[in-house]
Amino acid sequence: MRHQPPRLNSESDQDHTRFITKELTMKIKSLLLFASLLLPMTPALVSAEGAPAMPLVVCQVDKAPQMLVPAYVCQWYGGSQHY
């Protein structure tokens, strides 16, 4: 025999259900806020694994403005690198 959930007959039962729902919503929101504040402090957990990031250098080619590019691009175009 299956157990039937109790019906919300009275107004106080409905108020209690609204109160519980509101409490759960507030707890979930505070937990999400806590997680969003905590994650940036743990870069090892949120950073991707794999090859290390490519180092960038400030590169000057001829009279063109300086650009921030990977070192191999600067070497390819014969630019001077500034670290």
Protein backbone atom coordinates (compact mmCIF):
# COMPACT_ATOMS: atom_id res chain seq x y z
CA MET A 1 0.00 0.00 0.00
CA ARG A 2 1.45 3.37 -1.03
CA HIS A 3 1.76 6.17 1.44
CA GLN A 4 -0.10 9.28 0.33
CA PRO A 5 1.41 12.65 1.22
CA PRO A 6 -0.77 14.69 3.54
CA ARG A 7 -2.93 17.31 1.91
CA LEU A 8 -2.56 20.95 2.76
CA ASN A 9 -5.99 21.61 4.14
CA SER A 10 -5.46 24.53 6.39
CA GLU A 11 -4.01 27.93 5.76
CA SER A 12 -1.39 27.34 8.45
CA ASP A 13 -0.12 24.27 6.56
CA GLN A 14 0.25 26.36 3.42
CA ASP A 15 2.02 29.13 5.35
CA HIS A 16 4.39 26.57 6.86
CA THR A 17 5.17 25.18 3.39
CA ARG A 18 5.88 28.69 2.06
CA PHE A 19 8.12 29.36 5.05
CA ILE A 20 10.11 26.14 4.49
CA THR A 21 10.44 26.87 0.76
CA LYS A 22 11.66 30.40 1.48
CA GLU A 23 14.17 29.12 4.05
CA LEU A 24 15.56 26.55 1.61
CA THR A 25 15.84 29.16 -1.13
CA MET A 26 17.77 31.50 1.18
CA LYS A 27 20.14 28.71 2.24
CA ILE A 28 20.80 27.72 -1.37
CA LYS A 29 21.47 31.35 -2.34
CA SER A 30 23.89 31.81 0.54
CA LEU A 31 25.66 28.56 -0.36
CA LEU A 32 26.05 29.70 -3.98
CA LEU A 33 27.39 33.06 -2.82
CA PHE A 34 29.88 31.32 -0.54
CA ALA A 35 31.02 29.06 -3.40
CA SER A 36 31.42 32.01 -5.76
CA LEU A 37 33.61 33.78 -3.20
CA LEU A 38 35.64 30.67 -2.40
CA LEU A 39 36.43 29.44 -5.92
CA PRO A 40 38.69 32.35 -6.97
CA MET A 41 40.85 31.68 -3.92
CA THR A 42 41.60 28.16 -5.14
CA PRO A 43 43.11 28.62 -8.61
CA ALA A 44 44.43 25.05 -8.70
CA LEU A 45 40.88 23.74 -8.61
CA VAL A 46 39.51 25.98 -11.33
CA SER A 47 42.46 26.11 -13.74
CA ALA A 48 42.56 23.81 -16.71
CA GLU A 49 45.20 21.12 -16.89
CA GLY A 50 47.42 20.70 -19.90
CA ALA A 51 50.13 22.69 -21.57
CA PRO A 52 51.34 25.76 -19.71
CA ALA A 53 50.22 29.16 -20.94
CA MET A 54 52.28 30.65 -23.74
CA PRO A 55 54.46 33.53 -22.51
CA LEU A 56 53.75 36.88 -24.12
CA VAL A 57 56.29 39.59 -24.88
CA VAL A 58 56.02 43.21 -25.90
CA CYS A 59 57.18 43.26 -29.50
CA GLN A 60 58.31 46.17 -31.69
CA VAL A 61 58.51 45.57 -35.45
CA ASP A 62 59.95 48.46 -37.48
CA LYS A 63 57.91 51.62 -36.85
CA ALA A 64 54.69 49.79 -35.91
CA PRO A 65 53.21 50.27 -32.44
CA GLN A 66 54.30 47.83 -29.77
CA MET A 67 52.13 44.73 -29.46
CA LEU A 68 51.72 42.01 -26.86
CA VAL A 69 52.27 38.74 -28.75
CA PRO A 70 53.74 35.27 -28.17
CA ALA A 71 57.55 35.29 -28.35
CA TYR A 72 57.69 33.08 -31.47
CA VAL A 73 55.48 35.55 -33.40
CA CYS A 74 57.82 38.41 -32.55
CA GLN A 75 60.85 36.35 -33.65
CA TRP A 76 59.08 35.30 -36.87
CA TYR A 77 58.54 38.93 -37.90
CA GLY A 78 62.06 39.98 -36.82
CA GLY A 79 60.88 42.26 -34.05
CA SER A 80 62.67 43.27 -30.90
CA GLN A 81 61.33 41.80 -27.68
CA HIS A 82 60.81 43.77 -24.48
CA TYR A 83 60.02 41.82 -21.32
